[in-house]
Amino acid sequence: MTKIENEIQYNAVMARIEELLPLVSDDTPLDDKNSVELVLLSGLAADYEDVHYPIKKPSLIAVLKLRMFELGLSQCALAQKLGMNQSKISDILSGKSEPTLHQARRMVEELNISPSVVLGVGKNR
């Protein structure tokens, strides 16, 4: 099978995908020509995007701020939830310091954050 070589081809594939989407539903048979074409083009587009538009792992700061928003927590409330002082939370959120192993474990347990994000390990994708 071939691959998308450049942005012009990618844009053409994306335009065709947009044309196919209204023609295919969950009830469309898998052997329907529009369904087959959509699956193939979607795979080609996904492969191109993996190379040219990779999604990087979020930073600990971004994830903490998102969790604070989701849970409606202030810095003070977050500090209490994690058993930390507010100045340490402020330093972590500003990037001035990183959590200790004990603090990282609390973040994983209390906020349901992936250990790889808290510890900053793993692939950056």
PDB file of N, CA and C in Angstrom:
ATOM      1  N   MET A   1       0.852  -1.184   0.000  1.00  0.00           N
ATOM      2  CA  MET A   1       0.000   0.000   0.000  1.00  0.00           C
ATOM      3  C   MET A   1       0.891   1.238   0.000  1.00  0.00           C
ATOM      4  N   THR A   2       0.401   2.292  -0.530  1.00  0.00           N
ATOM      5  CA  THR A   2       1.139   3.539  -0.638  1.00  0.00           C
ATOM      6  C   THR A   2       0.942   4.379   0.617  1.00  0.00           C
ATOM      7  N   LYS A   3       1.557   5.536   0.634  1.00  0.00           N
ATOM      8  CA  LYS A   3       1.368   6.445   1.754  1.00  0.00           C
ATOM      9  C   LYS A   3       1.220   7.863   1.229  1.00  0.00           C
ATOM     10  N   ILE A   4       0.715   8.736   2.065  1.00  0.00           N
ATOM     11  CA  ILE A   4       0.585  10.150   1.705  1.00  0.00           C
ATOM     12  C   ILE A   4       1.978  10.758   1.756  1.00  0.00           C
ATOM     13  N   GLU A   5       2.372  11.419   0.680  1.00  0.00           N
ATOM     14  CA  GLU A   5       3.733  11.942   0.560  1.00  0.00           C
ATOM     15  C   GLU A   5       3.884  13.409   0.953  1.00  0.00           C
ATOM     16  N   ASN A   6       2.798  14.183   0.856  1.00  0.00           N
ATOM     17  CA  ASN A   6       2.938  15.618   1.119  1.00  0.00           C
ATOM     18  C   ASN A   6       1.610  16.216   1.578  1.00  0.00           C
ATOM     19  N   GLU A   7       1.662  17.482   1.910  1.00  0.00           N
ATOM     20  CA  GLU A   7       0.484  18.176   2.449  1.00  0.00           C
ATOM     21  C   GLU A   7      -0.643  18.309   1.414  1.00  0.00           C
ATOM     22  N   ILE A   8      -0.288  18.443   0.156  1.00  0.00           N
ATOM     23  CA  ILE A   8      -1.307  18.533  -0.901  1.00  0.00           C
ATOM     24  C   ILE A   8      -2.111  17.234  -0.957  1.00  0.00           C
ATOM     25  N   GLN A   9      -1.410  16.113  -0.935  1.00  0.00           N
ATOM     26  CA  GLN A   9      -2.103  14.824  -0.937  1.00  0.00           C
ATOM     27  C   GLN A   9      -2.930  14.652   0.343  1.00  0.00           C
ATOM     28  N   TYR A  10      -2.359  15.058   1.462  1.00  0.00           N
ATOM     29  CA  TYR A  10      -3.077  14.956   2.743  1.00  0.00           C
ATOM     30  C   TYR A  10      -4.377  15.754   2.700  1.00  0.00           C
ATOM     31  N   ASN A  11      -4.311  16.980   2.203  1.00  0.00           N
ATOM     32  CA  ASN A  11      -5.517  17.812   2.117  1.00  0.00           C
ATOM     33  C   ASN A  11      -6.569  17.201   1.192  1.00  0.00           C
ATOM     34  N   ALA A  12      -6.116  16.593   0.102  1.00  0.00           N
ATOM     35  CA  ALA A  12      -7.051  15.943  -0.826  1.00  0.00           C
ATOM     36  C   ALA A  12      -7.715  14.738  -0.151  1.00  0.00           C
ATOM     37  N   VAL A  13      -6.938  13.959   0.572  1.00  0.00           N
ATOM     38  CA  VAL A  13      -7.484  12.805   1.287  1.00  0.00           C
ATOM     39  C   VAL A  13      -8.488  13.264   2.349  1.00  0.00           C
ATOM     40  N   MET A  14      -8.142  14.314   3.071  1.00  0.00           N
ATOM     41  CA  MET A  14      -9.050  14.816   4.107  1.00  0.00           C
ATOM     42  C   MET A  14     -10.352  15.328   3.499  1.00  0.00           C
ATOM     43  N   ALA A  15     -10.265  15.969   2.349  1.00  0.00           N
ATOM     44  CA  ALA A  15     -11.475  16.444   1.667  1.00  0.00           C
ATOM     45  C   ALA A  15     -12.353  15.262   1.251  1.00  0.00           C
ATOM     46  N   ARG A  16     -11.718  14.208   0.745  1.00  0.00           N
ATOM     47  CA  ARG A  16     -12.489  13.023   0.343  1.00  0.00           C
ATOM     48  C   ARG A  16     -13.122  12.340   1.553  1.00  0.00           C
ATOM     49  N   ILE A  17     -12.401  12.298   2.662  1.00  0.00           N
ATOM     50  CA  ILE A  17     -12.958  11.726   3.895  1.00  0.00           C
ATOM     51  C   ILE A  17     -14.200  12.503   4.306  1.00  0.00           C
ATOM     52  N   GLU A  18     -14.138  13.820   4.213  1.00  0.00           N
ATOM     53  CA  GLU A  18     -15.302  14.657   4.554  1.00  0.00           C
ATOM     54  C   GLU A  18     -16.489  14.344   3.647  1.00  0.00           C
ATOM     55  N   GLU A  19     -16.218  14.047   2.382  1.00  0.00           N
ATOM     56  CA  GLU A  19     -17.302  13.685   1.445  1.00  0.00           C
ATOM     57  C   GLU A  19     -17.901  12.322   1.787  1.00  0.00           C
ATOM     58  N   LEU A  20     -17.053  11.407   2.265  1.00  0.00           N
ATOM     59  CA  LEU A  20     -17.506  10.044   2.549  1.00  0.00           C
ATOM     60  C   LEU A  20     -18.257   9.921   3.878  1.00  0.00           C
ATOM     61  N   LEU A  21     -17.917  10.742   4.835  1.00  0.00           N
ATOM     62  CA  LEU A  21     -18.509  10.603   6.171  1.00  0.00           C
ATOM     63  C   LEU A  21     -20.036  10.585   6.176  1.00  0.00           C
ATOM     64  N   PRO A  22     -20.712  11.474   5.441  1.00  0.00           N
ATOM     65  CA  PRO A  22     -22.181  11.412   5.457  1.00  0.00           C
ATOM     66  C   PRO A  22     -22.757  10.163   4.771  1.00  0.00           C
ATOM     67  N   LEU A  23     -21.930   9.498   3.972  1.00  0.00           N
ATOM     68  CA  LEU A  23     -22.405   8.339   3.215  1.00  0.00           C
ATOM     69  C   LEU A  23     -22.249   7.020   3.977  1.00  0.00           C
ATOM     70  N   VAL A  24     -21.549   7.075   5.102  1.00  0.00           N
ATOM     71  CA  VAL A  24     -21.256   5.858   5.864  1.00  0.00           C
ATOM     72  C   VAL A  24     -21.748   6.037   7.292  1.00  0.00           C
ATOM     73  N   SER A  25     -22.419   5.002   7.792  1.00  0.00           N
ATOM     74  CA  SER A  25     -22.875   5.036   9.187  1.00  0.00           C
ATOM     75  C   SER A  25     -22.477   3.725   9.849  1.00  0.00           C
ATOM     76  N   ASP A  26     -22.823   3.579  11.118  1.00  0.00           N
ATOM     77  CA  ASP A  26     -22.530   2.339  11.838  1.00  0.00           C
ATOM     78  C   ASP A  26     -23.246   1.144  11.211  1.00  0.00           C
ATOM     79  N   ASP A  27     -24.334   1.410  10.500  1.00  0.00           N
ATOM     80  CA  ASP A  27     -25.123   0.336   9.878  1.00  0.00           C
ATOM     81  C   ASP A  27     -24.655  -0.018   8.470  1.00  0.00           C
ATOM     82  N   THR A  28     -23.715   0.748   7.943  1.00  0.00           N
ATOM     83  CA  THR A  28     -23.229   0.491   6.587  1.00  0.00           C
ATOM     84  C   THR A  28     -22.433  -0.818   6.574  1.00  0.00           C
ATOM     85  N   PRO A  29     -22.711  -1.691   5.636  1.00  0.00           N
ATOM     86  CA  PRO A  29     -21.952  -2.956   5.554  1.00  0.00           C
ATOM     87  C   PRO A  29     -20.463  -2.680   5.330  1.00  0.00           C
ATOM     88  N   LEU A  30     -19.638  -3.530   5.899  1.00  0.00           N
ATOM     89  CA  LEU A  30     -18.192  -3.344   5.785  1.00  0.00           C
ATOM     90  C   LEU A  30     -17.686  -3.505   4.360  1.00  0.00           C
ATOM     91  N   ASP A  31     -18.453  -4.190   3.515  1.00  0.00           N
ATOM     92  CA  ASP A  31     -18.025  -4.367   2.135  1.00  0.00           C
ATOM     93  C   ASP A  31     -18.582  -3.291   1.195  1.00  0.00           C
ATOM     94  N   ASP A  32     -19.279  -2.313   1.740  1.00  0.00           N
ATOM     95  CA  ASP A  32     -19.770  -1.183   0.950  1.00  0.00           C
ATOM     96  C   ASP A  32     -18.572  -0.399   0.428  1.00  0.00           C
ATOM     97  N   LYS A  33     -18.610   0.008  -0.838  1.00  0.00           N
ATOM     98  CA  LYS A  33     -17.452   0.684  -1.448  1.00  0.00           C
ATOM     99  C   LYS A  33     -17.085   1.976  -0.721  1.00  0.00           C
ATOM    100  N   ASN A  34     -18.068   2.733  -0.241  1.00  0.00           N
ATOM    101  CA  ASN A  34     -17.773   3.966   0.493  1.00  0.00           C
ATOM    102  C   ASN A  34     -17.129   3.666   1.841  1.00  0.00           C
ATOM    103  N   SER A  35     -17.599   2.613   2.489  1.00  0.00           N
ATOM    104  CA  SER A  35     -17.036   2.214   3.774  1.00  0.00           C
ATOM    105  C   SER A  35     -15.590   1.757   3.608  1.00  0.00           C
ATOM    106  N   VAL A  36     -15.342   0.956   2.603  1.00  0.00           N
ATOM    107  CA  VAL A  36     -13.985   0.473   2.335  1.00  0.00           C
ATOM    108  C   VAL A  36     -13.054   1.652   2.046  1.00  0.00           C
ATOM    109  N   GLU A  37     -13.498   2.546   1.193  1.00  0.00           N
ATOM    110  CA  GLU A  37     -12.680   3.718   0.856  1.00  0.00           C
ATOM    111  C   GLU A  37     -12.413   4.569   2.082  1.00  0.00           C
ATOM    112  N   LEU A  38     -13.437   4.769   2.910  1.00  0.00           N
ATOM    113  CA  LEU A  38     -13.275   5.582   4.116  1.00  0.00           C
ATOM    114  C   LEU A  38     -12.258   4.962   5.070  1.00  0.00           C
ATOM    115  N   VAL A  39     -12.327   3.660   5.266  1.00  0.00           N
ATOM    116  CA  VAL A  39     -11.382   2.972   6.149  1.00  0.00           C
ATOM    117  C   VAL A  39      -9.955   3.116   5.623  1.00  0.00           C
ATOM    118  N   LEU A  40      -9.780   2.896   4.332  1.00  0.00           N
ATOM    119  CA  LEU A  40      -8.440   2.992   3.749  1.00  0.00           C
ATOM    120  C   LEU A  40      -7.872   4.409   3.833  1.00  0.00           C
ATOM    121  N   LEU A  41      -8.675   5.378   3.457  1.00  0.00           N
ATOM    122  CA  LEU A  41      -8.203   6.764   3.499  1.00  0.00           C
ATOM    123  C   LEU A  41      -7.958   7.236   4.925  1.00  0.00           C
ATOM    124  N   SER A  42      -8.794   6.806   5.840  1.00  0.00           N
ATOM    125  CA  SER A  42      -8.601   7.185   7.250  1.00  0.00           C
ATOM    126  C   SER A  42      -7.288   6.632   7.785  1.00  0.00           C
ATOM    127  N   GLY A  43      -6.969   5.401   7.396  1.00  0.00           N
ATOM    128  CA  GLY A  43      -5.696   4.814   7.807  1.00  0.00           C
ATOM    129  C   GLY A  43      -4.505   5.564   7.242  1.00  0.00           C
ATOM    130  N   LEU A  44      -4.595   5.940   5.971  1.00  0.00           N
ATOM    131  CA  LEU A  44      -3.519   6.719   5.353  1.00  0.00           C
ATOM    132  C   LEU A  44      -3.350   8.070   6.044  1.00  0.00           C
ATOM    133  N   ALA A  45      -4.484   8.727   6.330  1.00  0.00           N
ATOM    134  CA  ALA A  45      -4.424  10.032   6.996  1.00  0.00           C
ATOM    135  C   ALA A  45      -3.847   9.896   8.403  1.00  0.00           C
ATOM    136  N   ALA A  46      -4.249   8.856   9.122  1.00  0.00           N
ATOM    137  CA  ALA A  46      -3.749   8.653  10.484  1.00  0.00           C
ATOM    138  C   ALA A  46      -2.232   8.417  10.473  1.00  0.00           C
ATOM    139  N   ASP A  47      -1.746   7.623   9.521  1.00  0.00           N
ATOM    140  CA  ASP A  47      -0.301   7.391   9.419  1.00  0.00           C
ATOM    141  C   ASP A  47       0.449   8.683   9.139  1.00  0.00           C
ATOM    142  N   TYR A  48      -0.074   9.509   8.248  1.00  0.00           N
ATOM    143  CA  TYR A  48       0.559  10.791   7.924  1.00  0.00           C
ATOM    144  C   TYR A  48       0.565  11.701   9.151  1.00  0.00           C
ATOM    145  N   GLU A  49      -0.554  11.742   9.861  1.00  0.00           N
ATOM    146  CA  GLU A  49      -0.661  12.601  11.048  1.00  0.00           C
ATOM    147  C   GLU A  49       0.281  12.152  12.151  1.00  0.00           C
ATOM    148  N   ASP A  50       0.468  10.855  12.315  1.00  0.00           N
ATOM    149  CA  ASP A  50       1.399  10.357  13.335  1.00  0.00           C
ATOM    150  C   ASP A  50       2.808  10.888  13.112  1.00  0.00           C
ATOM    151  N   VAL A  51       3.184  11.025  11.851  1.00  0.00           N
ATOM    152  CA  VAL A  51       4.529  11.507  11.523  1.00  0.00           C
ATOM    153  C   VAL A  51       4.605  13.032  11.546  1.00  0.00           C
ATOM    154  N   HIS A  52       3.615  13.698  10.947  1.00  0.00           N
ATOM    155  CA  HIS A  52       3.701  15.145  10.746  1.00  0.00           C
ATOM    156  C   HIS A  52       2.979  15.981  11.796  1.00  0.00           C
ATOM    157  N   TYR A  53       2.068  15.397  12.540  1.00  0.00           N
ATOM    158  CA  TYR A  53       1.333  16.118  13.574  1.00  0.00           C
ATOM    159  C   TYR A  53       1.258  15.281  14.854  1.00  0.00           C
ATOM    160  N   PRO A  54       2.415  14.872  15.380  1.00  0.00           N
ATOM    161  CA  PRO A  54       2.375  14.006  16.565  1.00  0.00           C
ATOM    162  C   PRO A  54       1.785  14.750  17.777  1.00  0.00           C
ATOM    163  N   ILE A  55       1.092  13.991  18.587  1.00  0.00           N
ATOM    164  CA  ILE A  55       0.531  14.550  19.824  1.00  0.00           C
ATOM    165  C   ILE A  55       1.498  14.212  20.941  1.00  0.00           C
ATOM    166  N   LYS A  56       2.032  15.232  21.570  1.00  0.00           N
ATOM    167  CA  LYS A  56       3.003  15.026  22.631  1.00  0.00           C
ATOM    168  C   LYS A  56       2.304  14.801  23.962  1.00  0.00           C
ATOM    169  N   LYS A  57       3.000  14.102  24.829  1.00  0.00           N
ATOM    170  CA  LYS A  57       2.474  13.849  26.157  1.00  0.00           C
ATOM    171  C   LYS A  57       2.324  15.178  26.895  1.00  0.00           C
ATOM    172  N   PRO A  58       1.222  15.378  27.607  1.00  0.00           N
ATOM    173  CA  PRO A  58       1.036  16.635  28.331  1.00  0.00           C
ATOM    174  C   PRO A  58       2.022  16.751  29.489  1.00  0.00           C
ATOM    175  N   SER A  59       2.338  17.981  29.842  1.00  0.00           N
ATOM    176  CA  SER A  59       3.237  18.208  30.969  1.00  0.00           C
ATOM    177  C   SER A  59       2.484  17.998  32.272  1.00  0.00           C
ATOM    178  N   LEU A  60       3.230  17.765  33.329  1.00  0.00           N
ATOM    179  CA  LEU A  60       2.623  17.624  34.654  1.00  0.00           C
ATOM    180  C   LEU A  60       1.852  18.886  35.015  1.00  0.00           C
ATOM    181  N   ILE A  61       2.412  20.036  34.698  1.00  0.00           N
ATOM    182  CA  ILE A  61       1.748  21.309  35.018  1.00  0.00           C
ATOM    183  C   ILE A  61       0.388  21.384  34.319  1.00  0.00           C
ATOM    184  N   ALA A  62       0.354  21.039  33.038  1.00  0.00           N
ATOM    185  CA  ALA A  62      -0.908  21.089  32.286  1.00  0.00           C
ATOM    186  C   ALA A  62      -1.927  20.116  32.865  1.00  0.00           C
ATOM    187  N   VAL A  63      -1.480  18.919  33.215  1.00  0.00           N
ATOM    188  CA  VAL A  63      -2.396  17.915  33.760  1.00  0.00           C
ATOM    189  C   VAL A  63      -2.906  18.344  35.136  1.00  0.00           C
ATOM    190  N   LEU A  64      -2.022  18.882  35.967  1.00  0.00           N
ATOM    191  CA  LEU A  64      -2.465  19.355  37.287  1.00  0.00           C
ATOM    192  C   LEU A  64      -3.502  20.470  37.156  1.00  0.00           C
ATOM    193  N   LYS A  65      -3.245  21.407  36.262  1.00  0.00           N
ATOM    194  CA  LYS A  65      -4.196  22.505  36.069  1.00  0.00           C
ATOM    195  C   LYS A  65      -5.535  21.987  35.539  1.00  0.00           C
ATOM    196  N   LEU A  66      -5.484  21.007  34.635  1.00  0.00           N
ATOM    197  CA  LEU A  66      -6.721  20.415  34.125  1.00  0.00           C
ATOM    198  C   LEU A  66      -7.482  19.721  35.252  1.00  0.00           C
ATOM    199  N   ARG A  67      -6.788  18.936  36.074  1.00  0.00           N
ATOM    200  CA  ARG A  67      -7.451  18.248  37.190  1.00  0.00           C
ATOM    201  C   ARG A  67      -8.033  19.255  38.180  1.00  0.00           C
ATOM    202  N   MET A  68      -7.307  20.328  38.434  1.00  0.00           N
ATOM    203  CA  MET A  68      -7.826  21.362  39.335  1.00  0.00           C
ATOM    204  C   MET A  68      -9.132  21.918  38.777  1.00  0.00           C
ATOM    205  N   PHE A  69      -9.157  22.189  37.473  1.00  0.00           N
ATOM    206  CA  PHE A  69     -10.364  22.697  36.838  1.00  0.00           C
ATOM    207  C   PHE A  69     -11.487  21.675  36.918  1.00  0.00           C
ATOM    208  N   GLU A  70     -11.187  20.440  36.544  1.00  0.00           N
ATOM    209  CA  GLU A  70     -12.209  19.383  36.539  1.00  0.00           C
ATOM    210  C   GLU A  70     -12.818  19.149  37.916  1.00  0.00           C
ATOM    211  N   LEU A  71     -11.976  19.227  38.944  1.00  0.00           N
ATOM    212  CA  LEU A  71     -12.435  18.963  40.311  1.00  0.00           C
ATOM    213  C   LEU A  71     -12.859  20.228  41.047  1.00  0.00           C
ATOM    214  N   GLY A  72     -12.701  21.386  40.396  1.00  0.00           N
ATOM    215  CA  GLY A  72     -13.068  22.649  41.028  1.00  0.00           C
ATOM    216  C   GLY A  72     -12.199  22.974  42.233  1.00  0.00           C
ATOM    217  N   LEU A  73     -10.903  22.664  42.129  1.00  0.00           N
ATOM    218  CA  LEU A  73      -9.986  22.868  43.251  1.00  0.00           C
ATOM    219  C   LEU A  73      -9.151  24.127  43.079  1.00  0.00           C
ATOM    220  N   SER A  74      -8.995  24.850  44.148  1.00  0.00           N
ATOM    221  CA  SER A  74      -8.036  25.959  44.177  1.00  0.00           C
ATOM    222  C   SER A  74      -6.664  25.371  44.502  1.00  0.00           C
ATOM    223  N   GLN A  75      -5.629  26.188  44.432  1.00  0.00           N
ATOM    224  CA  GLN A  75      -4.299  25.708  44.820  1.00  0.00           C
ATOM    225  C   GLN A  75      -4.308  25.259  46.276  1.00  0.00           C
ATOM    226  N   CYS A  76      -5.005  26.000  47.103  1.00  0.00           N
ATOM    227  CA  CYS A  76      -5.089  25.657  48.526  1.00  0.00           C
ATOM    228  C   CYS A  76      -5.785  24.312  48.713  1.00  0.00           C
ATOM    229  N   ALA A  77      -6.903  24.108  48.031  1.00  0.00           N
ATOM    230  CA  ALA A  77      -7.643  22.843  48.142  1.00  0.00           C
ATOM    231  C   ALA A  77      -6.823  21.684  47.582  1.00  0.00           C
ATOM    232  N   LEU A  78      -6.088  21.925  46.502  1.00  0.00           N
ATOM    233  CA  LEU A  78      -5.232  20.893  45.929  1.00  0.00           C
ATOM    234  C   LEU A  78      -4.143  20.516  46.927  1.00  0.00           C
ATOM    235  N   ALA A  79      -3.545  21.501  47.534  1.00  0.00           N
ATOM    236  CA  ALA A  79      -2.506  21.247  48.538  1.00  0.00           C
ATOM    237  C   ALA A  79      -3.053  20.387  49.674  1.00  0.00           C
ATOM    238  N   GLN A  80      -4.244  20.712  50.153  1.00  0.00           N
ATOM    239  CA  GLN A  80      -4.858  19.926  51.228  1.00  0.00           C
ATOM    240  C   GLN A  80      -5.122  18.495  50.769  1.00  0.00           C
ATOM    241  N   LYS A  81      -5.646  18.342  49.572  1.00  0.00           N
ATOM    242  CA  LYS A  81      -5.973  17.015  49.033  1.00  0.00           C
ATOM    243  C   LYS A  81      -4.726  16.148  48.934  1.00  0.00           C
ATOM    244  N   LEU A  82      -3.600  16.777  48.589  1.00  0.00           N
ATOM    245  CA  LEU A  82      -2.358  16.036  48.401  1.00  0.00           C
ATOM    246  C   LEU A  82      -1.491  15.990  49.654  1.00  0.00           C
ATOM    247  N   GLY A  83      -1.930  16.671  50.719  1.00  0.00           N
ATOM    248  CA  GLY A  83      -1.146  16.693  51.950  1.00  0.00           C
ATOM    249  C   GLY A  83       0.153  17.460  51.795  1.00  0.00           C
ATOM    250  N   MET A  84       0.105  18.520  51.002  1.00  0.00           N
ATOM    251  CA  MET A  84       1.291  19.336  50.742  1.00  0.00           C
ATOM    252  C   MET A  84       1.015  20.767  51.170  1.00  0.00           C
ATOM    253  N   ASN A  85       2.079  21.568  51.337  1.00  0.00           N
ATOM    254  CA  ASN A  85       1.823  22.976  51.639  1.00  0.00           C
ATOM    255  C   ASN A  85       1.602  23.734  50.337  1.00  0.00           C
ATOM    256  N   GLN A  86       0.893  24.840  50.439  1.00  0.00           N
ATOM    257  CA  GLN A  86       0.474  25.591  49.265  1.00  0.00           C
ATOM    258  C   GLN A  86       1.663  26.157  48.487  1.00  0.00           C
ATOM    259  N   SER A  87       2.726  26.517  49.168  1.00  0.00           N
ATOM    260  CA  SER A  87       3.884  27.077  48.459  1.00  0.00           C
ATOM    261  C   SER A  87       4.543  26.022  47.572  1.00  0.00           C
ATOM    262  N   LYS A  88       4.542  24.760  48.009  1.00  0.00           N
ATOM    263  CA  LYS A  88       5.110  23.691  47.187  1.00  0.00           C
ATOM    264  C   LYS A  88       4.253  23.481  45.935  1.00  0.00           C
ATOM    265  N   ILE A  89       2.928  23.507  46.097  1.00  0.00           N
ATOM    266  CA  ILE A  89       2.029  23.385  44.943  1.00  0.00           C
ATOM    267  C   ILE A  89       2.290  24.539  43.981  1.00  0.00           C
ATOM    268  N   SER A  90       2.426  25.735  44.503  1.00  0.00           N
ATOM    269  CA  SER A  90       2.689  26.910  43.668  1.00  0.00           C
ATOM    270  C   SER A  90       3.995  26.737  42.896  1.00  0.00           C
ATOM    271  N   ASP A  91       5.020  26.231  43.574  1.00  0.00           N
ATOM    272  CA  ASP A  91       6.313  26.016  42.914  1.00  0.00           C
ATOM    273  C   ASP A  91       6.212  24.958  41.813  1.00  0.00           C
ATOM    274  N   ILE A  92       5.444  23.904  42.055  1.00  0.00           N
ATOM    275  CA  ILE A  92       5.268  22.861  41.039  1.00  0.00           C
ATOM    276  C   ILE A  92       4.495  23.416  39.843  1.00  0.00           C
ATOM    277  N   LEU A  93       3.418  24.149  40.118  1.00  0.00           N
ATOM    278  CA  LEU A  93       2.592  24.701  39.036  1.00  0.00           C
ATOM    279  C   LEU A  93       3.314  25.773  38.222  1.00  0.00           C
ATOM    280  N   SER A  94       4.293  26.429  38.826  1.00  0.00           N
ATOM    281  CA  SER A  94       5.055  27.440  38.088  1.00  0.00           C
ATOM    282  C   SER A  94       6.298  26.860  37.422  1.00  0.00           C
ATOM    283  N   GLY A  95       6.570  25.576  37.681  1.00  0.00           N
ATOM    284  CA  GLY A  95       7.733  24.938  37.086  1.00  0.00           C
ATOM    285  C   GLY A  95       9.020  25.168  37.849  1.00  0.00           C
ATOM    286  N   LYS A  96       8.932  25.755  39.037  1.00  0.00           N
ATOM    287  CA  LYS A  96      10.132  26.032  39.830  1.00  0.00           C
ATOM    288  C   LYS A  96      10.676  24.796  40.531  1.00  0.00           C
ATOM    289  N   SER A  97       9.809  23.811  40.772  1.00  0.00           N
ATOM    290  CA  SER A  97      10.276  22.576  41.402  1.00  0.00           C
ATOM    291  C   SER A  97       9.435  21.405  40.919  1.00  0.00           C
ATOM    292  N   GLU A  98       9.922  20.219  41.202  1.00  0.00           N
ATOM    293  CA  GLU A  98       9.225  18.989  40.846  1.00  0.00           C
ATOM    294  C   GLU A  98       8.814  18.284  42.124  1.00  0.00           C
ATOM    295  N   PRO A  99       7.789  17.448  42.030  1.00  0.00           N
ATOM    296  CA  PRO A  99       7.351  16.746  43.239  1.00  0.00           C
ATOM    297  C   PRO A  99       8.357  15.686  43.670  1.00  0.00           C
ATOM    298  N   THR A 100       8.383  15.432  44.965  1.00  0.00           N
ATOM    299  CA  THR A 100       9.183  14.322  45.475  1.00  0.00           C
ATOM    300  C   THR A 100       8.491  13.024  45.079  1.00  0.00           C
ATOM    301  N   LEU A 101       9.137  11.909  45.276  1.00  0.00           N
ATOM    302  CA  LEU A 101       8.536  10.626  44.945  1.00  0.00           C
ATOM    303  C   LEU A 101       7.250  10.407  45.743  1.00  0.00           C
ATOM    304  N   HIS A 102       7.268  10.756  47.025  1.00  0.00           N
ATOM    305  CA  HIS A 102       6.069  10.625  47.863  1.00  0.00           C
ATOM    306  C   HIS A 102       4.940  11.515  47.332  1.00  0.00           C
ATOM    307  N   GLN A 103       5.257  12.757  46.971  1.00  0.00           N
ATOM    308  CA  GLN A 103       4.255  13.682  46.444  1.00  0.00           C
ATOM    309  C   GLN A 103       3.727  13.187  45.094  1.00  0.00           C
ATOM    310  N   ALA A 104       4.607  12.644  44.276  1.00  0.00           N
ATOM    311  CA  ALA A 104       4.200  12.107  42.983  1.00  0.00           C
ATOM    312  C   ALA A 104       3.224  10.945  43.181  1.00  0.00           C
ATOM    313  N   ARG A 105       3.522  10.090  44.144  1.00  0.00           N
ATOM    314  CA  ARG A 105       2.634   8.959  44.431  1.00  0.00           C
ATOM    315  C   ARG A 105       1.255   9.456  44.846  1.00  0.00           C
ATOM    316  N   ARG A 106       1.212  10.503  45.657  1.00  0.00           N
ATOM    317  CA  ARG A 106      -0.079  11.076  46.081  1.00  0.00           C
ATOM    318  C   ARG A 106      -0.851  11.631  44.881  1.00  0.00           C
ATOM    319  N   MET A 107      -0.144  12.268  43.955  1.00  0.00           N
ATOM    320  CA  MET A 107      -0.800  12.801  42.760  1.00  0.00           C
ATOM    321  C   MET A 107      -1.420  11.684  41.942  1.00  0.00           C
ATOM    322  N   VAL A 108      -0.691  10.596  41.798  1.00  0.00           N
ATOM    323  CA  VAL A 108      -1.193   9.444  41.047  1.00  0.00           C
ATOM    324  C   VAL A 108      -2.443   8.889  41.730  1.00  0.00           C
ATOM    325  N   GLU A 109      -2.373   8.718  43.045  1.00  0.00           N
ATOM    326  CA  GLU A 109      -3.483   8.106  43.789  1.00  0.00           C
ATOM    327  C   GLU A 109      -4.683   9.034  43.925  1.00  0.00           C
ATOM    328  N   GLU A 110      -4.450  10.277  44.291  1.00  0.00           N
ATOM    329  CA  GLU A 110      -5.543  11.204  44.597  1.00  0.00           C
ATOM    330  C   GLU A 110      -6.165  11.850  43.363  1.00  0.00           C
ATOM    331  N   LEU A 111      -5.352  12.057  42.320  1.00  0.00           N
ATOM    332  CA  LEU A 111      -5.832  12.778  41.143  1.00  0.00           C
ATOM    333  C   LEU A 111      -5.979  11.874  39.914  1.00  0.00           C
ATOM    334  N   ASN A 112      -5.606  10.604  40.070  1.00  0.00           N
ATOM    335  CA  ASN A 112      -5.699   9.644  38.972  1.00  0.00           C
ATOM    336  C   ASN A 112      -4.925  10.128  37.743  1.00  0.00           C
ATOM    337  N   ILE A 113      -3.697  10.551  37.987  1.00  0.00           N
ATOM    338  CA  ILE A 113      -2.798  10.993  36.922  1.00  0.00           C
ATOM    339  C   ILE A 113      -1.824   9.855  36.635  1.00  0.00           C
ATOM    340  N   SER A 114      -1.564   9.614  35.376  1.00  0.00           N
ATOM    341  CA  SER A 114      -0.634   8.554  34.980  1.00  0.00           C
ATOM    342  C   SER A 114       0.737   8.765  35.631  1.00  0.00           C
ATOM    343  N   PRO A 115       1.314   7.706  36.191  1.00  0.00           N
ATOM    344  CA  PRO A 115       2.657   7.835  36.783  1.00  0.00           C
ATOM    345  C   PRO A 115       3.687   8.344  35.783  1.00  0.00           C
ATOM    346  N   SER A 116       3.562   7.971  34.512  1.00  0.00           N
ATOM    347  CA  SER A 116       4.543   8.431  33.523  1.00  0.00           C
ATOM    348  C   SER A 116       4.465   9.943  33.319  1.00  0.00           C
ATOM    349  N   VAL A 117       3.290  10.534  33.468  1.00  0.00           N
ATOM    350  CA  VAL A 117       3.163  11.985  33.354  1.00  0.00           C
ATOM    351  C   VAL A 117       3.754  12.657  34.597  1.00  0.00           C
ATOM    352  N   VAL A 118       3.435  12.124  35.763  1.00  0.00           N
ATOM    353  CA  VAL A 118       3.919  12.716  37.009  1.00  0.00           C
ATOM    354  C   VAL A 118       5.434  12.652  37.088  1.00  0.00           C
ATOM    355  N   LEU A 119       5.984  11.527  36.651  1.00  0.00           N
ATOM    356  CA  LEU A 119       7.435  11.343  36.736  1.00  0.00           C
ATOM    357  C   LEU A 119       8.173  11.822  35.492  1.00  0.00           C
ATOM    358  N   GLY A 120       7.417  12.171  34.440  1.00  0.00           N
ATOM    359  CA  GLY A 120       8.045  12.692  33.223  1.00  0.00           C
ATOM    360  C   GLY A 120       8.868  11.652  32.493  1.00  0.00           C
ATOM    361  N   VAL A 121       8.388  10.400  32.471  1.00  0.00           N
ATOM    362  CA  VAL A 121       9.122   9.339  31.788  1.00  0.00           C
ATOM    363  C   VAL A 121       8.297   8.797  30.641  1.00  0.00           C
ATOM    364  N   GLY A 122       8.926   8.040  29.781  1.00  0.00           N
ATOM    365  CA  GLY A 122       8.211   7.417  28.666  1.00  0.00           C
ATOM    366  C   GLY A 122       8.347   8.233  27.409  1.00  0.00           C
ATOM    367  N   LYS A 123       7.753   7.700  26.340  1.00  0.00           N
ATOM    368  CA  LYS A 123       7.797   8.378  25.043  1.00  0.00           C
ATOM    369  C   LYS A 123       7.085   9.710  25.123  1.00  0.00           C
ATOM    370  N   ASN A 124       7.615  10.686  24.444  1.00  0.00           N
ATOM    371  CA  ASN A 124       6.981  12.008  24.391  1.00  0.00           C
ATOM    372  C   ASN A 124       6.102  12.075  23.166  1.00  0.00           C
ATOM    373  N   ARG A 125       5.005  11.333  23.178  1.00  0.00           N
ATOM    374  CA  ARG A 125       4.064  11.306  22.065  1.00  0.00           C
ATOM    375  C   ARG A 125       2.672  11.499  22.567  1.00  0.00           C
TER     376      ARG A 125
END
